[in-house]
PDB file of N, CA and C in Angstrom:
ATOM      1  N   UNK A   1      57.427 162.622 109.417  1.00  0.00           N
ATOM      2  CA  UNK A   1      56.046 162.692 110.330  1.00  0.00           C
ATOM      3  C   UNK A   1      56.487 162.616 111.885  1.00  0.00           C
ATOM      4  N   UNK A   2      57.888 162.013 111.865  1.00  0.00           N
ATOM      5  CA  UNK A   2      58.509 162.114 113.535  1.00  0.00           C
ATOM      6  C   UNK A   2      58.594 163.569 113.694  1.00  0.00           C
ATOM      7  N   UNK A   3      59.368 164.578 113.088  1.00  0.00           N
ATOM      8  CA  UNK A   3      59.824 165.579 112.939  1.00  0.00           C
ATOM      9  C   UNK A   3      58.694 166.523 113.645  1.00  0.00           C
ATOM     10  N   UNK A   4      57.759 166.300 112.704  1.00  0.00           N
ATOM     11  CA  UNK A   4      55.961 167.031 113.211  1.00  0.00           C
ATOM     12  C   UNK A   4      55.697 166.618 114.439  1.00  0.00           C
ATOM     13  N   UNK A   5      55.390 165.102 115.067  1.00  0.00           N
ATOM     14  CA  UNK A   5      55.360 164.588 116.378  1.00  0.00           C
ATOM     15  C   UNK A   5      55.940 165.189 117.308  1.00  0.00           C
ATOM     16  N   UNK A   6      57.391 164.995 117.186  1.00  0.00           N
ATOM     17  CA  UNK A   6      57.956 166.334 118.091  1.00  0.00           C
ATOM     18  C   UNK A   6      57.347 167.420 118.217  1.00  0.00           C
ATOM     19  N   UNK A   7      57.720 167.713 117.179  1.00  0.00           N
ATOM     20  CA  UNK A   7      57.448 169.663 117.425  1.00  0.00           C
ATOM     21  C   UNK A   7      55.905 169.629 117.874  1.00  0.00           C
ATOM     22  N   UNK A   8      54.556 168.958 117.587  1.00  0.00           N
ATOM     23  CA  UNK A   8      53.635 169.162 118.511  1.00  0.00           C
ATOM     24  C   UNK A   8      53.334 168.653 120.065  1.00  0.00           C
ATOM     25  N   UNK A   9      54.414 167.754 120.442  1.00  0.00           N
ATOM     26  CA  UNK A   9      54.794 167.315 121.488  1.00  0.00           C
ATOM     27  C   UNK A   9      55.312 168.589 122.310  1.00  0.00           C
ATOM     28  N   UNK A  10      56.683 169.488 121.776  1.00  0.00           N
ATOM     29  CA  UNK A  10      57.223 170.550 122.274  1.00  0.00           C
ATOM     30  C   UNK A  10      56.443 171.396 122.526  1.00  0.00           C
ATOM     31  N   UNK A  11      55.474 171.832 121.492  1.00  0.00           N
ATOM     32  CA  UNK A  11      54.120 173.087 121.447  1.00  0.00           C
ATOM     33  C   UNK A  11      53.337 172.513 122.740  1.00  0.00           C
ATOM     34  N   UNK A  12      52.550 171.311 122.830  1.00  0.00           N
ATOM     35  CA  UNK A  12      51.862 171.321 123.884  1.00  0.00           C
ATOM     36  C   UNK A  12      52.260 171.252 125.309  1.00  0.00           C
ATOM     37  N   UNK A  13      53.487 170.768 125.098  1.00  0.00           N
ATOM     38  CA  UNK A  13      54.602 170.824 126.597  1.00  0.00           C
ATOM     39  C   UNK A  13      54.351 172.019 126.897  1.00  0.00           C
ATOM     40  N   UNK A  14      55.429 173.555 126.006  1.00  0.00           N
ATOM     41  CA  UNK A  14      55.046 175.110 126.151  1.00  0.00           C
ATOM     42  C   UNK A  14      53.995 175.360 126.706  1.00  0.00           C
ATOM     43  N   UNK A  15      52.459 174.977 125.766  1.00  0.00           N
ATOM     44  CA  UNK A  15      51.157 175.343 126.059  1.00  0.00           C
ATOM     45  C   UNK A  15      50.782 174.715 127.482  1.00  0.00           C
ATOM     46  N   UNK A  16      51.079 173.879 127.638  1.00  0.00           N
ATOM     47  CA  UNK A  16      50.811 173.328 129.297  1.00  0.00           C
ATOM     48  C   UNK A  16      51.734 174.217 129.883  1.00  0.00           C
ATOM     49  N   UNK A  17      52.571 174.256 130.349  1.00  0.00           N
ATOM     50  CA  UNK A  17      53.869 174.585 131.191  1.00  0.00           C
ATOM     51  C   UNK A  17      53.040 176.350 131.021  1.00  0.00           C
ATOM     52  N   UNK A  18      52.796 176.815 130.011  1.00  0.00           N
ATOM     53  CA  UNK A  18      53.132 178.375 130.541  1.00  0.00           C
ATOM     54  C   UNK A  18      51.304 178.449 131.159  1.00  0.00           C
ATOM     55  N   UNK A  19      50.233 177.829 130.505  1.00  0.00           N
ATOM     56  CA  UNK A  19      49.056 177.993 131.305  1.00  0.00           C
ATOM     57  C   UNK A  19      48.854 177.366 132.627  1.00  0.00           C
ATOM     58  N   UNK A  20      49.832 176.444 133.233  1.00  0.00           N
ATOM     59  CA  UNK A  20      50.166 176.312 134.834  1.00  0.00           C
ATOM     60  C   UNK A  20      50.907 177.001 135.475  1.00  0.00           C
ATOM     61  N   UNK A  21      51.594 177.844 134.547  1.00  0.00           N
ATOM     62  CA  UNK A  21      52.786 178.990 135.710  1.00  0.00           C
ATOM     63  C   UNK A  21      51.729 180.480 135.695  1.00  0.00           C
ATOM     64  N   UNK A  22      50.926 180.373 134.693  1.00  0.00           N
ATOM     65  CA  UNK A  22      50.113 181.803 134.509  1.00  0.00           C
ATOM     66  C   UNK A  22      49.102 181.228 135.548  1.00  0.00           C
ATOM     67  N   UNK A  23      48.569 180.129 135.731  1.00  0.00           N
ATOM     68  CA  UNK A  23      47.537 180.069 136.596  1.00  0.00           C
ATOM     69  C   UNK A  23      47.886 180.244 137.962  1.00  0.00           C
ATOM     70  N   UNK A  24      49.404 179.936 138.697  1.00  0.00           N
ATOM     71  CA  UNK A  24      49.869 180.040 139.771  1.00  0.00           C
ATOM     72  C   UNK A  24      49.988 181.522 140.034  1.00  0.00           C
ATOM     73  N   UNK A  25      50.562 182.347 138.772  1.00  0.00           N
ATOM     74  CA  UNK A  25      50.815 183.624 138.960  1.00  0.00           C
ATOM     75  C   UNK A  25      49.561 184.354 139.464  1.00  0.00           C
ATOM     76  N   UNK A  26      48.748 183.915 138.959  1.00  0.00           N
ATOM     77  CA  UNK A  26      46.856 184.490 138.993  1.00  0.00           C
ATOM     78  C   UNK A  26      46.911 184.176 140.622  1.00  0.00           C
ATOM     79  N   UNK A  27      47.122 182.900 140.726  1.00  0.00           N
ATOM     80  CA  UNK A  27      47.462 182.262 142.112  1.00  0.00           C
ATOM     81  C   UNK A  27      47.586 183.237 143.698  1.00  0.00           C
ATOM     82  N   UNK A  28      48.991 183.595 142.567  1.00  0.00           N
ATOM     83  CA  UNK A  28      49.823 184.389 143.871  1.00  0.00           C
ATOM     84  C   UNK A  28      49.222 185.824 143.747  1.00  0.00           C
ATOM     85  N   UNK A  29      49.076 186.219 142.631  1.00  0.00           N
ATOM     86  CA  UNK A  29      48.598 187.740 142.635  1.00  0.00           C
ATOM     87  C   UNK A  29      46.988 188.072 143.474  1.00  0.00           C
ATOM     88  N   UNK A  30      46.339 186.790 143.268  1.00  0.00           N
ATOM     89  CA  UNK A  30      45.110 186.797 144.618  1.00  0.00           C
ATOM     90  C   UNK A  30      45.633 187.071 146.048  1.00  0.00           C
ATOM     91  N   UNK A  31      46.807 186.467 146.178  1.00  0.00           N
ATOM     92  CA  UNK A  31      46.906 186.485 147.436  1.00  0.00           C
ATOM     93  C   UNK A  31      47.742 187.474 148.101  1.00  0.00           C
ATOM     94  N   UNK A  32      48.270 187.626 147.069  1.00  0.00           N
ATOM     95  CA  UNK A  32      49.113 189.310 147.724  1.00  0.00           C
ATOM     96  C   UNK A  32      48.454 190.093 147.773  1.00  0.00           C
ATOM     97  N   UNK A  33      47.328 190.214 147.023  1.00  0.00           N
ATOM     98  CA  UNK A  33      46.176 191.478 147.246  1.00  0.00           C
ATOM     99  C   UNK A  33      45.491 191.356 148.267  1.00  0.00           C
ATOM    100  N   UNK A  34      44.992 190.073 148.695  1.00  0.00           N
ATOM    101  CA  UNK A  34      44.401 189.852 149.803  1.00  0.00           C
ATOM    102  C   UNK A  34      45.280 190.092 150.697  1.00  0.00           C
ATOM    103  N   UNK A  35      46.791 189.896 151.007  1.00  0.00           N
ATOM    104  CA  UNK A  35      47.188 189.943 152.358  1.00  0.00           C
ATOM    105  C   UNK A  35      47.854 192.043 151.973  1.00  0.00           C
ATOM    106  N   UNK A  36      47.627 192.660 151.098  1.00  0.00           N
ATOM    107  CA  UNK A  36      47.501 194.038 151.067  1.00  0.00           C
ATOM    108  C   UNK A  36      46.391 194.389 151.602  1.00  0.00           C
ATOM    109  N   UNK A  37      45.284 193.954 151.497  1.00  0.00           N
ATOM    110  CA  UNK A  37      43.690 194.210 152.033  1.00  0.00           C
ATOM    111  C   UNK A  37      43.871 194.055 153.531  1.00  0.00           C
ATOM    112  N   UNK A  38      44.631 192.685 153.967  1.00  0.00           N
ATOM    113  CA  UNK A  38      44.604 192.967 155.303  1.00  0.00           C
ATOM    114  C   UNK A  38      45.359 193.553 155.696  1.00  0.00           C
ATOM    115  N   UNK A  39      46.544 194.109 155.441  1.00  0.00           N
ATOM    116  CA  UNK A  39      47.260 194.916 156.120  1.00  0.00           C
ATOM    117  C   UNK A  39      46.642 196.515 156.039  1.00  0.00           C
ATOM    118  N   UNK A  40      46.173 197.064 155.316  1.00  0.00           N
ATOM    119  CA  UNK A  40      45.693 198.208 154.635  1.00  0.00           C
ATOM    120  C   UNK A  40      44.797 197.975 156.270  1.00  0.00           C
ATOM    121  N   UNK A  41      43.808 197.077 156.422  1.00  0.00           N
ATOM    122  CA  UNK A  41      42.307 197.167 157.520  1.00  0.00           C
ATOM    123  C   UNK A  41      43.332 197.073 158.559  1.00  0.00           C
ATOM    124  N   UNK A  42      44.284 196.612 158.826  1.00  0.00           N
ATOM    125  CA  UNK A  42      45.018 196.157 160.451  1.00  0.00           C
ATOM    126  C   UNK A  42      45.648 197.842 160.436  1.00  0.00           C
ATOM    127  N   UNK A  43      46.245 198.223 159.293  1.00  0.00           N
ATOM    128  CA  UNK A  43      46.797 199.895 159.886  1.00  0.00           C
ATOM    129  C   UNK A  43      45.699 200.668 159.887  1.00  0.00           C
ATOM    130  N   UNK A  44      44.666 200.764 159.478  1.00  0.00           N
ATOM    131  CA  UNK A  44      43.869 201.640 159.632  1.00  0.00           C
ATOM    132  C   UNK A  44      42.696 201.352 161.322  1.00  0.00           C
ATOM    133  N   UNK A  45      42.952 200.121 161.503  1.00  0.00           N
ATOM    134  CA  UNK A  45      42.350 199.893 163.112  1.00  0.00           C
ATOM    135  C   UNK A  45      43.062 200.336 163.645  1.00  0.00           C
ATOM    136  N   UNK A  46      44.652 200.198 163.504  1.00  0.00           N
ATOM    137  CA  UNK A  46      45.982 200.099 164.828  1.00  0.00           C
ATOM    138  C   UNK A  46      46.737 201.680 164.248  1.00  0.00           C
ATOM    139  N   UNK A  47      46.284 202.479 163.661  1.00  0.00           N
ATOM    140  CA  UNK A  47      47.029 203.746 163.440  1.00  0.00           C
ATOM    141  C   UNK A  47      46.985 204.224 164.580  1.00  0.00           C
ATOM    142  N   UNK A  48      46.151 204.410 165.291  1.00  0.00           N
ATOM    143  CA  UNK A  48      46.413 205.373 166.759  1.00  0.00           C
ATOM    144  C   UNK A  48      46.518 204.078 168.236  1.00  0.00           C
ATOM    145  N   UNK A  49      47.550 203.691 167.853  1.00  0.00           N
ATOM    146  CA  UNK A  49      48.053 202.438 168.587  1.00  0.00           C
ATOM    147  C   UNK A  49      49.209 203.428 169.788  1.00  0.00           C
ATOM    148  N   UNK A  50      49.444 204.718 168.875  1.00  0.00           N
ATOM    149  CA  UNK A  50      49.766 205.764 169.912  1.00  0.00           C
ATOM    150  C   UNK A  50      49.109 206.800 170.590  1.00  0.00           C
ATOM    151  N   UNK A  51      49.007 207.285 171.875  1.00  0.00           N
ATOM    152  CA  UNK A  51      48.238 208.159 172.235  1.00  0.00           C
ATOM    153  C   UNK A  51      48.805 209.403 173.411  1.00  0.00           C
ATOM    154  N   UNK A  52      48.324 210.069 173.065  1.00  0.00           N
ATOM    155  CA  UNK A  52      48.899 211.356 174.246  1.00  0.00           C
ATOM    156  C   UNK A  52      47.994 211.443 175.384  1.00  0.00           C
ATOM    157  N   UNK A  53      48.986 211.792 176.660  1.00  0.00           N
ATOM    158  CA  UNK A  53      48.389 212.280 177.633  1.00  0.00           C
ATOM    159  C   UNK A  53      49.181 213.196 178.076  1.00  0.00           C
ATOM    160  N   UNK A  54      47.942 214.196 179.264  1.00  0.00           N
ATOM    161  CA  UNK A  54      48.200 214.932 180.048  1.00  0.00           C
ATOM    162  C   UNK A  54      48.906 214.921 181.213  1.00  0.00           C
ATOM    163  N   UNK A  55      49.960 215.501 181.323  1.00  0.00           N
ATOM    164  CA  UNK A  55      50.321 214.682 182.891  1.00  0.00           C
ATOM    165  C   UNK A  55      50.464 216.071 184.141  1.00  0.00           C
ATOM    166  N   UNK A  56      49.811 216.603 185.105  1.00  0.00           N
ATOM    167  CA  UNK A  56      49.444 216.709 185.538  1.00  0.00           C
ATOM    168  C   UNK A  56      50.831 217.107 187.082  1.00  0.00           C
ATOM    169  N   UNK A  57      51.015 216.279 187.269  1.00  0.00           N
ATOM    170  CA  UNK A  57      51.424 215.907 188.481  1.00  0.00           C
ATOM    171  C   UNK A  57      52.557 214.896 188.166  1.00  0.00           C
ATOM    172  N   UNK A  58      53.424 214.530 189.140  1.00  0.00           N
ATOM    173  CA  UNK A  58      54.552 213.828 189.470  1.00  0.00           C
ATOM    174  C   UNK A  58      54.920 213.760 190.521  1.00  0.00           C
ATOM    175  N   UNK A  59      54.729 213.031 191.607  1.00  0.00           N
ATOM    176  CA  UNK A  59      55.394 213.171 193.067  1.00  0.00           C
ATOM    177  C   UNK A  59      54.875 212.662 193.916  1.00  0.00           C
ATOM    178  N   UNK A  60      54.239 212.466 195.211  1.00  0.00           N
ATOM    179  CA  UNK A  60      53.802 212.102 195.988  1.00  0.00           C
ATOM    180  C   UNK A  60      52.264 211.113 195.795  1.00  0.00           C
ATOM    181  N   UNK A  61      52.048 210.423 196.925  1.00  0.00           N
ATOM    182  CA  UNK A  61      50.534 209.813 196.775  1.00  0.00           C
ATOM    183  C   UNK A  61      49.517 210.903 197.097  1.00  0.00           C
ATOM    184  N   UNK A  62      49.694 211.305 197.938  1.00  0.00           N
ATOM    185  CA  UNK A  62      48.896 212.308 198.885  1.00  0.00           C
ATOM    186  C   UNK A  62      48.327 213.374 197.681  1.00  0.00           C
ATOM    187  N   UNK A  63      49.481 214.263 197.103  1.00  0.00           N
ATOM    188  CA  UNK A  63      49.314 215.160 196.649  1.00  0.00           C
ATOM    189  C   UNK A  63      48.544 214.908 195.523  1.00  0.00           C
ATOM    190  N   UNK A  64      48.667 213.761 194.494  1.00  0.00           N
ATOM    191  CA  UNK A  64      48.665 213.125 193.453  1.00  0.00           C
ATOM    192  C   UNK A  64      47.262 213.087 193.244  1.00  0.00           C
ATOM    193  N   UNK A  65      46.383 212.500 194.486  1.00  0.00           N
ATOM    194  CA  UNK A  65      44.830 212.897 194.949  1.00  0.00           C
ATOM    195  C   UNK A  65      44.316 213.633 194.979  1.00  0.00           C
ATOM    196  N   UNK A  66      45.281 214.911 195.635  1.00  0.00           N
ATOM    197  CA  UNK A  66      44.570 216.103 195.758  1.00  0.00           C
ATOM    198  C   UNK A  66      44.326 217.055 193.888  1.00  0.00           C
ATOM    199  N   UNK A  67      45.661 216.689 192.819  1.00  0.00           N
ATOM    200  CA  UNK A  67      45.518 217.516 192.725  1.00  0.00           C
ATOM    201  C   UNK A  67      44.018 216.850 191.075  1.00  0.00           C
ATOM    202  N   UNK A  68      44.134 215.618 191.374  1.00  0.00           N
ATOM    203  CA  UNK A  68      43.273 214.903 190.439  1.00  0.00           C
ATOM    204  C   UNK A  68      41.534 215.538 191.094  1.00  0.00           C
ATOM    205  N   UNK A  69      41.836 215.358 192.137  1.00  0.00           N
ATOM    206  CA  UNK A  69      40.123 215.864 192.721  1.00  0.00           C
ATOM    207  C   UNK A  69      40.391 217.542 192.047  1.00  0.00           C
ATOM    208  N   UNK A  70      41.444 218.104 192.462  1.00  0.00           N
ATOM    209  CA  UNK A  70      41.417 219.793 192.415  1.00  0.00           C
ATOM    210  C   UNK A  70      40.479 219.899 190.549  1.00  0.00           C
ATOM    211  N   UNK A  71      41.648 218.992 189.830  1.00  0.00           N
ATOM    212  CA  UNK A  71      41.178 219.090 188.128  1.00  0.00           C
ATOM    213  C   UNK A  71      39.809 218.585 187.986  1.00  0.00           C
ATOM    214  N   UNK A  72      39.457 217.287 188.233  1.00  0.00           N
ATOM    215  CA  UNK A  72      37.958 216.915 188.448  1.00  0.00           C
ATOM    216  C   UNK A  72      37.021 218.007 188.720  1.00  0.00           C
ATOM    217  N   UNK A  73      37.176 218.547 189.640  1.00  0.00           N
ATOM    218  CA  UNK A  73      36.143 219.760 189.655  1.00  0.00           C
ATOM    219  C   UNK A  73      36.448 220.761 188.663  1.00  0.00           C
ATOM    220  N   UNK A  74      37.074 221.085 188.466  1.00  0.00           N
ATOM    221  CA  UNK A  74      37.731 222.139 187.522  1.00  0.00           C
ATOM    222  C   UNK A  74      37.457 221.870 185.659  1.00  0.00           C
ATOM    223  N   UNK A  75      37.812 220.350 185.322  1.00  0.00           N
ATOM    224  CA  UNK A  75      37.294 220.145 184.186  1.00  0.00           C
ATOM    225  C   UNK A  75      36.511 218.475 184.332  1.00  0.00           C
ATOM    226  N   UNK A  76      35.364 218.937 184.211  1.00  0.00           N
ATOM    227  CA  UNK A  76      34.775 217.465 185.101  1.00  0.00           C
ATOM    228  C   UNK A  76      34.507 216.487 183.191  1.00  0.00           C
ATOM    229  N   UNK A  77      34.954 216.986 181.915  1.00  0.00           N
ATOM    230  CA  UNK A  77      34.811 216.580 181.074  1.00  0.00           C
ATOM    231  C   UNK A  77      35.883 215.677 180.455  1.00  0.00           C
ATOM    232  N   UNK A  78      36.998 215.988 181.390  1.00  0.00           N
ATOM    233  CA  UNK A  78      38.395 214.771 181.278  1.00  0.00           C
ATOM    234  C   UNK A  78      37.987 213.984 182.103  1.00  0.00           C
ATOM    235  N   UNK A  79      38.590 212.854 181.396  1.00  0.00           N
ATOM    236  CA  UNK A  79      38.892 211.772 182.057  1.00  0.00           C
ATOM    237  C   UNK A  79      40.510 211.323 182.552  1.00  0.00           C
ATOM    238  N   UNK A  80      40.727 211.274 184.090  1.00  0.00           N
ATOM    239  CA  UNK A  80      42.162 211.511 184.998  1.00  0.00           C
ATOM    240  C   UNK A  80      42.514 210.472 185.363  1.00  0.00           C
ATOM    241  N   UNK A  81      43.500 209.583 185.208  1.00  0.00           N
ATOM    242  CA  UNK A  81      43.936 208.550 186.288  1.00  0.00           C
ATOM    243  C   UNK A  81      45.197 208.908 186.890  1.00  0.00           C
ATOM    244  N   UNK A  82      45.220 208.057 187.962  1.00  0.00           N
ATOM    245  CA  UNK A  82      46.713 208.334 189.044  1.00  0.00           C
ATOM    246  C   UNK A  82      47.416 206.886 188.619  1.00  0.00           C
ATOM    247  N   UNK A  83      48.795 207.223 187.862  1.00  0.00           N
ATOM    248  CA  UNK A  83      49.232 205.867 188.136  1.00  0.00           C
ATOM    249  C   UNK A  83      50.549 205.956 188.821  1.00  0.00           C
ATOM    250  N   UNK A  84      50.784 204.814 189.169  1.00  0.00           N
ATOM    251  CA  UNK A  84      52.328 204.588 190.119  1.00  0.00           C
ATOM    252  C   UNK A  84      53.074 203.816 189.414  1.00  0.00           C
ATOM    253  N   UNK A  85      54.253 204.948 188.967  1.00  0.00           N
ATOM    254  CA  UNK A  85      55.803 204.291 188.690  1.00  0.00           C
ATOM    255  C   UNK A  85      56.896 204.327 190.179  1.00  0.00           C
ATOM    256  N   UNK A  86      57.010 203.487 190.269  1.00  0.00           N
ATOM    257  CA  UNK A  86      58.109 203.845 191.770  1.00  0.00           C
ATOM    258  C   UNK A  86      58.882 204.241 191.314  1.00  0.00           C
ATOM    259  N   UNK A  87      59.478 205.773 192.187  1.00  0.00           N
ATOM    260  CA  UNK A  87      58.287 205.782 193.233  1.00  0.00           C
ATOM    261  C   UNK A  87      58.035 206.910 193.337  1.00  0.00           C
ATOM    262  N   UNK A  88      57.300 207.460 191.794  1.00  0.00           N
ATOM    263  CA  UNK A  88      56.619 208.331 191.853  1.00  0.00           C
ATOM    264  C   UNK A  88      55.135 208.255 191.142  1.00  0.00           C
ATOM    265  N   UNK A  89      53.865 209.225 192.287  1.00  0.00           N
ATOM    266  CA  UNK A  89      52.634 208.955 191.388  1.00  0.00           C
ATOM    267  C   UNK A  89      52.329 209.850 190.495  1.00  0.00           C
ATOM    268  N   UNK A  90      51.664 209.444 189.443  1.00  0.00           N
ATOM    269  CA  UNK A  90      51.608 210.329 188.619  1.00  0.00           C
ATOM    270  C   UNK A  90      50.172 210.661 188.201  1.00  0.00           C
ATOM    271  N   UNK A  91      49.659 211.938 188.221  1.00  0.00           N
ATOM    272  CA  UNK A  91      47.898 212.220 187.686  1.00  0.00           C
ATOM    273  C   UNK A  91      47.822 212.809 186.252  1.00  0.00           C
ATOM    274  N   UNK A  92      47.518 212.034 185.717  1.00  0.00           N
ATOM    275  CA  UNK A  92      47.412 212.323 183.668  1.00  0.00           C
ATOM    276  C   UNK A  92      46.082 212.376 183.330  1.00  0.00           C
ATOM    277  N   UNK A  93      45.679 212.975 182.707  1.00  0.00           N
ATOM    278  CA  UNK A  93      44.779 213.485 181.421  1.00  0.00           C
ATOM    279  C   UNK A  93      44.856 212.435 180.391  1.00  0.00           C
ATOM    280  N   UNK A  94      43.538 211.476 180.138  1.00  0.00           N
ATOM    281  CA  UNK A  94      44.128 210.472 179.731  1.00  0.00           C
ATOM    282  C   UNK A  94      43.058 210.652 178.203  1.00  0.00           C
ATOM    283  N   UNK A  95      44.095 209.860 177.326  1.00  0.00           N
ATOM    284  CA  UNK A  95      43.402 209.295 175.922  1.00  0.00           C
ATOM    285  C   UNK A  95      42.995 210.377 175.168  1.00  0.00           C
ATOM    286  N   UNK A  96      44.207 211.005 174.589  1.00  0.00           N
ATOM    287  CA  UNK A  96      43.857 211.883 173.457  1.00  0.00           C
ATOM    288  C   UNK A  96      44.551 211.413 172.306  1.00  0.00           C
ATOM    289  N   UNK A  97      43.898 211.327 170.897  1.00  0.00           N
ATOM    290  CA  UNK A  97      44.159 210.623 170.085  1.00  0.00           C
ATOM    291  C   UNK A  97      45.200 210.995 169.149  1.00  0.00           C
ATOM    292  N   UNK A  98      45.060 212.239 169.048  1.00  0.00           N
ATOM    293  CA  UNK A  98      46.216 212.987 168.313  1.00  0.00           C
ATOM    294  C   UNK A  98      46.973 214.392 168.894  1.00  0.00           C
ATOM    295  N   UNK A  99      48.179 214.821 169.364  1.00  0.00           N
ATOM    296  CA  UNK A  99      48.960 215.657 169.658  1.00  0.00           C
ATOM    297  C   UNK A  99      48.285 216.370 169.433  1.00  0.00           C
ATOM    298  N   UNK A 100      47.847 217.473 168.073  1.00  0.00           N
ATOM    299  CA  UNK A 100      46.813 218.594 168.328  1.00  0.00           C
ATOM    300  C   UNK A 100      45.966 218.435 168.982  1.00  0.00           C
ATOM    301  N   UNK A 101      45.286 217.234 169.602  1.00  0.00           N
ATOM    302  CA  UNK A 101      43.919 217.569 170.406  1.00  0.00           C
ATOM    303  C   UNK A 101      44.701 217.700 171.751  1.00  0.00           C
ATOM    304  N   UNK A 102      45.478 216.910 172.132  1.00  0.00           N
ATOM    305  CA  UNK A 102      46.294 217.100 173.578  1.00  0.00           C
ATOM    306  C   UNK A 102      47.045 218.443 173.746  1.00  0.00           C
ATOM    307  N   UNK A 103      47.208 219.195 172.411  1.00  0.00           N
ATOM    308  CA  UNK A 103      48.225 220.193 172.716  1.00  0.00           C
ATOM    309  C   UNK A 103      46.746 221.330 173.118  1.00  0.00           C
ATOM    310  N   UNK A 104      45.982 221.369 172.189  1.00  0.00           N
ATOM    311  CA  UNK A 104      44.566 222.377 172.568  1.00  0.00           C
ATOM    312  C   UNK A 104      44.305 222.094 174.042  1.00  0.00           C
ATOM    313  N   UNK A 105      44.034 220.813 174.500  1.00  0.00           N
ATOM    314  CA  UNK A 105      43.909 220.755 175.637  1.00  0.00           C
ATOM    315  C   UNK A 105      44.527 221.667 176.805  1.00  0.00           C
ATOM    316  N   UNK A 106      45.829 221.278 176.515  1.00  0.00           N
ATOM    317  CA  UNK A 106      46.844 221.634 177.266  1.00  0.00           C
ATOM    318  C   UNK A 106      46.942 223.315 177.583  1.00  0.00           C
ATOM    319  N   UNK A 107      46.358 223.596 176.252  1.00  0.00           N
ATOM    320  CA  UNK A 107      46.696 225.069 176.362  1.00  0.00           C
ATOM    321  C   UNK A 107      45.209 225.876 177.550  1.00  0.00           C
ATOM    322  N   UNK A 108      44.102 224.993 178.034  1.00  0.00           N
ATOM    323  CA  UNK A 108      43.278 225.272 178.520  1.00  0.00           C
ATOM    324  C   UNK A 108      43.947 224.883 179.965  1.00  0.00           C
ATOM    325  N   UNK A 109      44.542 223.632 180.085  1.00  0.00           N
ATOM    326  CA  UNK A 109      44.256 223.180 181.568  1.00  0.00           C
ATOM    327  C   UNK A 109      46.054 223.827 182.146  1.00  0.00           C
ATOM    328  N   UNK A 110      46.576 224.428 181.180  1.00  0.00           N
ATOM    329  CA  UNK A 110      48.299 225.456 181.918  1.00  0.00           C
ATOM    330  C   UNK A 110      47.486 226.647 182.524  1.00  0.00           C
ATOM    331  N   UNK A 111      46.271 227.030 181.695  1.00  0.00           N
ATOM    332  CA  UNK A 111      45.745 228.560 183.072  1.00  0.00           C
ATOM    333  C   UNK A 111      45.712 228.033 184.230  1.00  0.00           C
ATOM    334  N   UNK A 112      45.344 227.075 184.685  1.00  0.00           N
ATOM    335  CA  UNK A 112      45.301 226.150 186.251  1.00  0.00           C
ATOM    336  C   UNK A 112      46.374 225.536 186.815  1.00  0.00           C
ATOM    337  N   UNK A 113      46.939 224.467 185.727  1.00  0.00           N
ATOM    338  CA  UNK A 113      48.419 223.875 185.941  1.00  0.00           C
ATOM    339  C   UNK A 113      49.088 223.864 185.203  1.00  0.00           C
ATOM    340  N   UNK A 114      50.306 224.963 185.922  1.00  0.00           N
ATOM    341  CA  UNK A 114      51.078 225.718 185.062  1.00  0.00           C
ATOM    342  C   UNK A 114      52.521 224.163 184.551  1.00  0.00           C
ATOM    343  N   UNK A 115      52.498 223.660 185.603  1.00  0.00           N
ATOM    344  CA  UNK A 115      53.408 222.519 185.380  1.00  0.00           C
ATOM    345  C   UNK A 115      52.877 221.589 184.004  1.00  0.00           C
ATOM    346  N   UNK A 116      51.565 221.510 183.707  1.00  0.00           N
ATOM    347  CA  UNK A 116      51.498 219.899 183.033  1.00  0.00           C
ATOM    348  C   UNK A 116      52.376 220.002 181.649  1.00  0.00           C
ATOM    349  N   UNK A 117      52.510 218.991 181.382  1.00  0.00           N
ATOM    350  CA  UNK A 117      53.220 218.773 179.963  1.00  0.00           C
ATOM    351  C   UNK A 117      52.330 217.505 178.987  1.00  0.00           C
ATOM    352  N   UNK A 118      52.731 217.274 177.798  1.00  0.00           N
ATOM    353  CA  UNK A 118      51.699 216.491 177.025  1.00  0.00           C
ATOM    354  C   UNK A 118      52.914 215.026 176.670  1.00  0.00           C
ATOM    355  N   UNK A 119      52.530 213.914 177.122  1.00  0.00           N
ATOM    356  CA  UNK A 119      53.324 212.685 176.977  1.00  0.00           C
ATOM    357  C   UNK A 119      52.493 211.959 175.830  1.00  0.00           C
ATOM    358  N   UNK A 120      53.622 211.731 174.970  1.00  0.00           N
ATOM    359  CA  UNK A 120      53.251 210.289 174.372  1.00  0.00           C
ATOM    360  C   UNK A 120      53.722 208.962 174.842  1.00  0.00           C
ATOM    361  N   UNK A 121      52.327 207.842 174.259  1.00  0.00           N
ATOM    362  CA  UNK A 121      52.140 206.730 174.784  1.00  0.00           C
ATOM    363  C   UNK A 121      51.623 205.572 174.182  1.00  0.00           C
ATOM    364  N   UNK A 122      51.851 204.522 174.159  1.00  0.00           N
ATOM    365  CA  UNK A 122      51.879 203.297 173.621  1.00  0.00           C
ATOM    366  C   UNK A 122      50.562 202.570 173.914  1.00  0.00           C
ATOM    367  N   UNK A 123      49.788 202.113 173.414  1.00  0.00           N
ATOM    368  CA  UNK A 123      48.562 201.228 174.181  1.00  0.00           C
ATOM    369  C   UNK A 123      48.956 200.087 174.265  1.00  0.00           C
TER     370      UNK A 123
END
């Protein structure tokens, strides 16, 4: 009788331990799945953290503004910015999402601005 009760206690202990460990494993799996889902959503939203720009000019301030005015008259659909990074002023066509998109625009722009180049930038 004593052996039977000891075996019963051992069996109950094992069953309880296994069910608790299974519960923890399921809880951990749910957390891991949730984290994976969050990471995928984050990657989708931030996959374009790299953008491409076309630099038209790099030099003095007055020429940078004149290049911008000329470019905007020739290509009114593109947005341009003047950026100052000491000691140079840069005229850039901004925010192409892919390199392919920037390269296509560069082909058109190079007809009028031969020194234009594509730059990779982080947002």
